[in-house]
Amino acid sequence: MEPVSEEFLSRCLGVQETFHGFDSETQRREVGQYSSNAMLGMVDYIYDHFDEFRLLLDASYGTKFHDFVNRLVSMEEEYTWKWIRATGSHFELEGELTAESK
């Protein structure tokens, strides 16, 4: 379980870090395509390790893996805020989206 979960988290972080290394205009222009391509790679990894992911999602309560989904969500939230700030998204500027609105 641990090698699969850590590899998946590492891949997700790598995708995020690579994307946020792009300049703001490239991020704004490529977010949809980049996200789609990255998502396909993540789905392939999940299916390649399907049994492990079933355990992670269905049977990890009470184990050291119980926070797997929360770790993914936290990472996504952190990098979404980075993207919003990097691209000057109107959501934050207009107060439509705040960290407190979670």
N, C-alpha and C. Protein backbone atom coordinates (compact mmCIF):
# COMPACT_ATOMS: atom_id res chain seq x y z
N MET A 1 0.81 -1.20 0.00
CA MET A 1 0.00 0.00 0.00
C MET A 1 0.86 1.26 0.00
N GLU A 2 1.84 1.29 0.86
CA GLU A 2 2.62 2.52 1.01
C GLU A 2 3.33 2.93 -0.28
N PRO A 3 4.01 2.01 -0.96
CA PRO A 3 4.66 2.45 -2.21
C PRO A 3 3.69 3.02 -3.23
N VAL A 4 2.51 2.42 -3.34
CA VAL A 4 1.52 2.89 -4.31
C VAL A 4 0.96 4.25 -3.90
N SER A 5 0.60 4.40 -2.63
CA SER A 5 0.02 5.67 -2.20
C SER A 5 1.04 6.80 -2.27
N GLU A 6 2.27 6.52 -1.87
CA GLU A 6 3.29 7.58 -1.92
C GLU A 6 3.68 7.93 -3.35
N GLU A 7 3.73 6.93 -4.21
CA GLU A 7 4.02 7.20 -5.62
C GLU A 7 2.93 8.05 -6.25
N PHE A 8 1.69 7.74 -5.93
CA PHE A 8 0.57 8.52 -6.48
C PHE A 8 0.64 9.96 -6.00
N LEU A 9 0.85 10.15 -4.70
CA LEU A 9 0.97 11.51 -4.16
C LEU A 9 2.15 12.24 -4.78
N SER A 10 3.25 11.54 -4.97
CA SER A 10 4.43 12.14 -5.59
C SER A 10 4.15 12.55 -7.04
N ARG A 11 3.45 11.70 -7.76
CA ARG A 11 3.08 12.04 -9.14
C ARG A 11 2.16 13.27 -9.18
N CYS A 12 1.20 13.30 -8.27
CA CYS A 12 0.29 14.45 -8.21
C CYS A 12 1.06 15.72 -7.92
N LEU A 13 1.97 15.66 -6.96
CA LEU A 13 2.78 16.82 -6.62
C LEU A 13 3.65 17.24 -7.80
N GLY A 14 4.22 16.28 -8.50
CA GLY A 14 5.03 16.59 -9.68
C GLY A 14 4.24 17.30 -10.76
N VAL A 15 3.03 16.85 -11.00
CA VAL A 15 2.15 17.50 -11.97
C VAL A 15 1.90 18.94 -11.56
N GLN A 16 1.58 19.14 -10.29
CA GLN A 16 1.31 20.49 -9.79
C GLN A 16 2.54 21.38 -9.89
N GLU A 17 3.67 20.89 -9.45
CA GLU A 17 4.89 21.68 -9.46
C GLU A 17 5.31 22.06 -10.88
N THR A 18 5.21 21.12 -11.79
CA THR A 18 5.55 21.41 -13.19
C THR A 18 4.64 22.49 -13.74
N PHE A 19 3.34 22.34 -13.52
CA PHE A 19 2.39 23.32 -14.04
C PHE A 19 2.64 24.70 -13.44
N HIS A 20 2.89 24.77 -12.16
CA HIS A 20 3.08 26.07 -11.52
C HIS A 20 4.46 26.66 -11.78
N GLY A 21 5.29 25.93 -12.49
CA GLY A 21 6.55 26.47 -12.97
C GLY A 21 6.38 27.27 -14.26
N PHE A 22 5.22 27.14 -14.89
CA PHE A 22 4.94 27.90 -16.11
C PHE A 22 4.60 29.34 -15.74
N ASP A 23 4.82 30.25 -16.67
CA ASP A 23 4.44 31.64 -16.42
C ASP A 23 2.91 31.74 -16.37
N SER A 24 2.43 32.84 -15.83
CA SER A 24 0.99 32.98 -15.58
C SER A 24 0.15 32.90 -16.85
N GLU A 25 0.63 33.44 -17.94
CA GLU A 25 -0.14 33.37 -19.19
C GLU A 25 -0.25 31.94 -19.68
N THR A 26 0.82 31.19 -19.61
CA THR A 26 0.79 29.78 -20.01
C THR A 26 -0.15 29.00 -19.10
N GLN A 27 -0.11 29.27 -17.80
CA GLN A 27 -1.03 28.60 -16.87
C GLN A 27 -2.48 28.89 -17.25
N ARG A 28 -2.77 30.13 -17.51
CA ARG A 28 -4.14 30.53 -17.86
C ARG A 28 -4.58 29.84 -19.15
N ARG A 29 -3.71 29.81 -20.14
CA ARG A 29 -4.04 29.27 -21.46
C ARG A 29 -4.11 27.74 -21.45
N GLU A 30 -3.24 27.09 -20.69
CA GLU A 30 -3.09 25.64 -20.79
C GLU A 30 -3.76 24.85 -19.67
N VAL A 31 -4.41 25.51 -18.72
CA VAL A 31 -4.93 24.79 -17.56
C VAL A 31 -5.85 23.64 -17.93
N GLY A 32 -6.74 23.83 -18.86
CA GLY A 32 -7.68 22.77 -19.24
C GLY A 32 -6.99 21.57 -19.87
N GLN A 33 -6.16 21.83 -20.86
CA GLN A 33 -5.47 20.74 -21.56
C GLN A 33 -4.47 20.04 -20.65
N TYR A 34 -3.73 20.82 -19.90
CA TYR A 34 -2.73 20.24 -18.99
C TYR A 34 -3.42 19.36 -17.95
N SER A 35 -4.50 19.86 -17.37
CA SER A 35 -5.23 19.11 -16.35
C SER A 35 -5.80 17.82 -16.93
N SER A 36 -6.35 17.90 -18.12
CA SER A 36 -6.92 16.71 -18.76
C SER A 36 -5.86 15.65 -19.00
N ASN A 37 -4.73 16.05 -19.53
CA ASN A 37 -3.66 15.10 -19.79
C ASN A 37 -3.13 14.49 -18.50
N ALA A 38 -2.95 15.31 -17.49
CA ALA A 38 -2.45 14.81 -16.21
C ALA A 38 -3.46 13.86 -15.58
N MET A 39 -4.73 14.19 -15.68
CA MET A 39 -5.77 13.35 -15.10
C MET A 39 -5.78 11.97 -15.75
N LEU A 40 -5.60 11.92 -17.05
CA LEU A 40 -5.57 10.63 -17.74
C LEU A 40 -4.42 9.77 -17.22
N GLY A 41 -3.28 10.39 -16.99
CA GLY A 41 -2.14 9.66 -16.43
C GLY A 41 -2.42 9.14 -15.03
N MET A 42 -3.11 9.94 -14.24
CA MET A 42 -3.44 9.53 -12.88
C MET A 42 -4.46 8.37 -12.89
N VAL A 43 -5.43 8.45 -13.78
CA VAL A 43 -6.42 7.38 -13.90
C VAL A 43 -5.74 6.08 -14.35
N ASP A 44 -4.82 6.18 -15.29
CA ASP A 44 -4.07 4.99 -15.71
C ASP A 44 -3.33 4.37 -14.52
N TYR A 45 -2.70 5.21 -13.70
CA TYR A 45 -1.97 4.70 -12.54
C TYR A 45 -2.94 4.02 -11.56
N ILE A 46 -4.09 4.61 -11.35
CA ILE A 46 -5.08 4.01 -10.45
C ILE A 46 -5.50 2.63 -10.96
N TYR A 47 -5.79 2.53 -12.25
CA TYR A 47 -6.21 1.24 -12.78
C TYR A 47 -5.07 0.22 -12.79
N ASP A 48 -3.85 0.68 -12.94
CA ASP A 48 -2.70 -0.23 -12.86
C ASP A 48 -2.51 -0.78 -11.45
N HIS A 49 -3.05 -0.08 -10.47
CA HIS A 49 -2.94 -0.48 -9.05
C HIS A 49 -4.33 -0.49 -8.40
N PHE A 50 -5.26 -1.06 -9.11
CA PHE A 50 -6.66 -0.98 -8.72
C PHE A 50 -6.93 -1.56 -7.33
N ASP A 51 -6.37 -2.72 -7.04
CA ASP A 51 -6.62 -3.34 -5.74
C ASP A 51 -6.14 -2.45 -4.59
N GLU A 52 -4.98 -1.85 -4.75
CA GLU A 52 -4.46 -0.97 -3.71
C GLU A 52 -5.35 0.25 -3.52
N PHE A 53 -5.85 0.80 -4.61
CA PHE A 53 -6.72 1.98 -4.50
C PHE A 53 -8.07 1.62 -3.90
N ARG A 54 -8.58 0.44 -4.18
CA ARG A 54 -9.82 0.01 -3.53
C ARG A 54 -9.63 -0.06 -2.02
N LEU A 55 -8.49 -0.59 -1.59
CA LEU A 55 -8.20 -0.63 -0.16
C LEU A 55 -8.03 0.77 0.41
N LEU A 56 -7.31 1.63 -0.30
CA LEU A 56 -7.11 2.99 0.18
C LEU A 56 -8.44 3.72 0.37
N LEU A 57 -9.35 3.52 -0.54
CA LEU A 57 -10.62 4.25 -0.50
C LEU A 57 -11.69 3.56 0.34
N ASP A 58 -11.64 2.24 0.41
CA ASP A 58 -12.72 1.51 1.08
C ASP A 58 -12.35 0.91 2.43
N ALA A 59 -11.07 0.74 2.71
CA ALA A 59 -10.71 -0.01 3.91
C ALA A 59 -9.54 0.58 4.68
N SER A 60 -9.30 1.85 4.54
CA SER A 60 -8.14 2.43 5.22
C SER A 60 -8.46 3.05 6.57
N TYR A 61 -9.72 3.10 6.94
CA TYR A 61 -10.09 3.68 8.23
C TYR A 61 -9.36 2.93 9.35
N GLY A 62 -8.75 3.70 10.23
CA GLY A 62 -8.04 3.11 11.35
C GLY A 62 -6.62 2.69 11.03
N THR A 63 -6.18 2.93 9.80
CA THR A 63 -4.81 2.60 9.43
C THR A 63 -4.03 3.88 9.20
N LYS A 64 -2.74 3.75 8.95
CA LYS A 64 -1.94 4.95 8.69
C LYS A 64 -2.28 5.58 7.34
N PHE A 65 -3.11 4.94 6.56
CA PHE A 65 -3.51 5.46 5.25
C PHE A 65 -4.86 6.16 5.28
N HIS A 66 -5.46 6.30 6.44
CA HIS A 66 -6.81 6.86 6.52
C HIS A 66 -6.91 8.29 6.00
N ASP A 67 -5.80 9.01 5.97
CA ASP A 67 -5.84 10.41 5.52
C ASP A 67 -5.43 10.59 4.06
N PHE A 68 -5.38 9.51 3.31
CA PHE A 68 -4.93 9.57 1.92
C PHE A 68 -5.75 10.58 1.10
N VAL A 69 -7.05 10.48 1.16
CA VAL A 69 -7.91 11.39 0.38
C VAL A 69 -7.74 12.82 0.88
N ASN A 70 -7.66 13.01 2.18
CA ASN A 70 -7.46 14.36 2.72
C ASN A 70 -6.15 14.96 2.25
N ARG A 71 -5.12 14.15 2.14
CA ARG A 71 -3.84 14.66 1.63
C ARG A 71 -3.97 15.12 0.18
N LEU A 72 -4.69 14.36 -0.62
CA LEU A 72 -4.92 14.76 -2.01
C LEU A 72 -5.73 16.05 -2.09
N VAL A 73 -6.76 16.14 -1.28
CA VAL A 73 -7.61 17.33 -1.30
C VAL A 73 -6.82 18.56 -0.85
N SER A 74 -6.02 18.41 0.19
CA SER A 74 -5.21 19.54 0.67
C SER A 74 -4.23 20.00 -0.39
N MET A 75 -3.62 19.05 -1.09
CA MET A 75 -2.69 19.41 -2.16
C MET A 75 -3.42 20.16 -3.27
N GLU A 76 -4.55 19.65 -3.66
CA GLU A 76 -5.32 20.30 -4.73
C GLU A 76 -5.75 21.70 -4.31
N GLU A 77 -6.18 21.85 -3.08
CA GLU A 77 -6.59 23.17 -2.59
C GLU A 77 -5.41 24.15 -2.61
N GLU A 78 -4.28 23.70 -2.10
CA GLU A 78 -3.09 24.56 -2.07
C GLU A 78 -2.71 25.05 -3.46
N TYR A 79 -2.69 24.14 -4.42
CA TYR A 79 -2.27 24.51 -5.77
C TYR A 79 -3.35 25.24 -6.54
N THR A 80 -4.59 25.04 -6.18
CA THR A 80 -5.65 25.85 -6.80
C THR A 80 -5.49 27.30 -6.38
N TRP A 81 -5.22 27.53 -5.10
CA TRP A 81 -4.97 28.91 -4.64
C TRP A 81 -3.75 29.50 -5.32
N LYS A 82 -2.71 28.72 -5.52
CA LYS A 82 -1.51 29.22 -6.23
C LYS A 82 -1.88 29.62 -7.65
N TRP A 83 -2.70 28.81 -8.30
CA TRP A 83 -3.12 29.12 -9.67
C TRP A 83 -3.96 30.40 -9.70
N ILE A 84 -4.88 30.52 -8.77
CA ILE A 84 -5.73 31.71 -8.71
C ILE A 84 -4.86 32.96 -8.57
N ARG A 85 -3.90 32.90 -7.68
CA ARG A 85 -3.04 34.06 -7.46
C ARG A 85 -2.12 34.33 -8.66
N ALA A 86 -1.60 33.27 -9.25
CA ALA A 86 -0.68 33.43 -10.38
C ALA A 86 -1.38 34.00 -11.60
N THR A 87 -2.63 33.64 -11.79
CA THR A 87 -3.34 34.07 -13.00
C THR A 87 -4.23 35.28 -12.77
N GLY A 88 -4.30 35.76 -11.53
CA GLY A 88 -5.14 36.92 -11.25
C GLY A 88 -6.61 36.62 -11.44
N SER A 89 -7.03 35.45 -11.04
CA SER A 89 -8.42 35.05 -11.21
C SER A 89 -9.36 36.06 -10.56
N HIS A 90 -10.46 36.32 -11.22
CA HIS A 90 -11.44 37.27 -10.72
C HIS A 90 -12.20 36.74 -9.51
N PHE A 91 -12.21 35.42 -9.30
CA PHE A 91 -12.95 34.86 -8.17
C PHE A 91 -12.46 35.41 -6.84
N GLU A 92 -11.15 35.44 -6.66
CA GLU A 92 -10.61 35.95 -5.42
C GLU A 92 -10.73 37.46 -5.36
N LEU A 93 -10.45 38.11 -6.48
CA LEU A 93 -10.49 39.56 -6.50
C LEU A 93 -11.88 40.11 -6.18
N GLU A 94 -12.90 39.41 -6.64
CA GLU A 94 -14.28 39.86 -6.42
C GLU A 94 -14.89 39.29 -5.14
N GLY A 95 -14.08 38.56 -4.37
CA GLY A 95 -14.56 38.02 -3.12
C GLY A 95 -15.49 36.83 -3.24
N GLU A 96 -15.58 36.26 -4.44
CA GLU A 96 -16.47 35.11 -4.63
C GLU A 96 -15.90 33.84 -4.04
N LEU A 97 -14.60 33.81 -3.85
CA LEU A 97 -13.94 32.62 -3.35
C LEU A 97 -12.97 33.04 -2.26
N THR A 98 -13.12 32.44 -1.11
CA THR A 98 -12.21 32.72 -0.01
C THR A 98 -11.80 31.40 0.64
N ALA A 99 -10.68 31.42 1.30
CA ALA A 99 -10.23 30.22 2.00
C ALA A 99 -11.22 29.86 3.10
N GLU A 100 -11.92 30.82 3.62
CA GLU A 100 -12.88 30.57 4.69
C GLU A 100 -14.18 29.97 4.18
N SER A 101 -14.42 30.00 2.87
CA SER A 101 -15.68 29.49 2.33
C SER A 101 -15.66 27.98 2.15
N LYS A 102 -14.62 27.33 2.64
CA LYS A 102 -14.53 25.87 2.51
C LYS A 102 -15.64 25.24 3.21
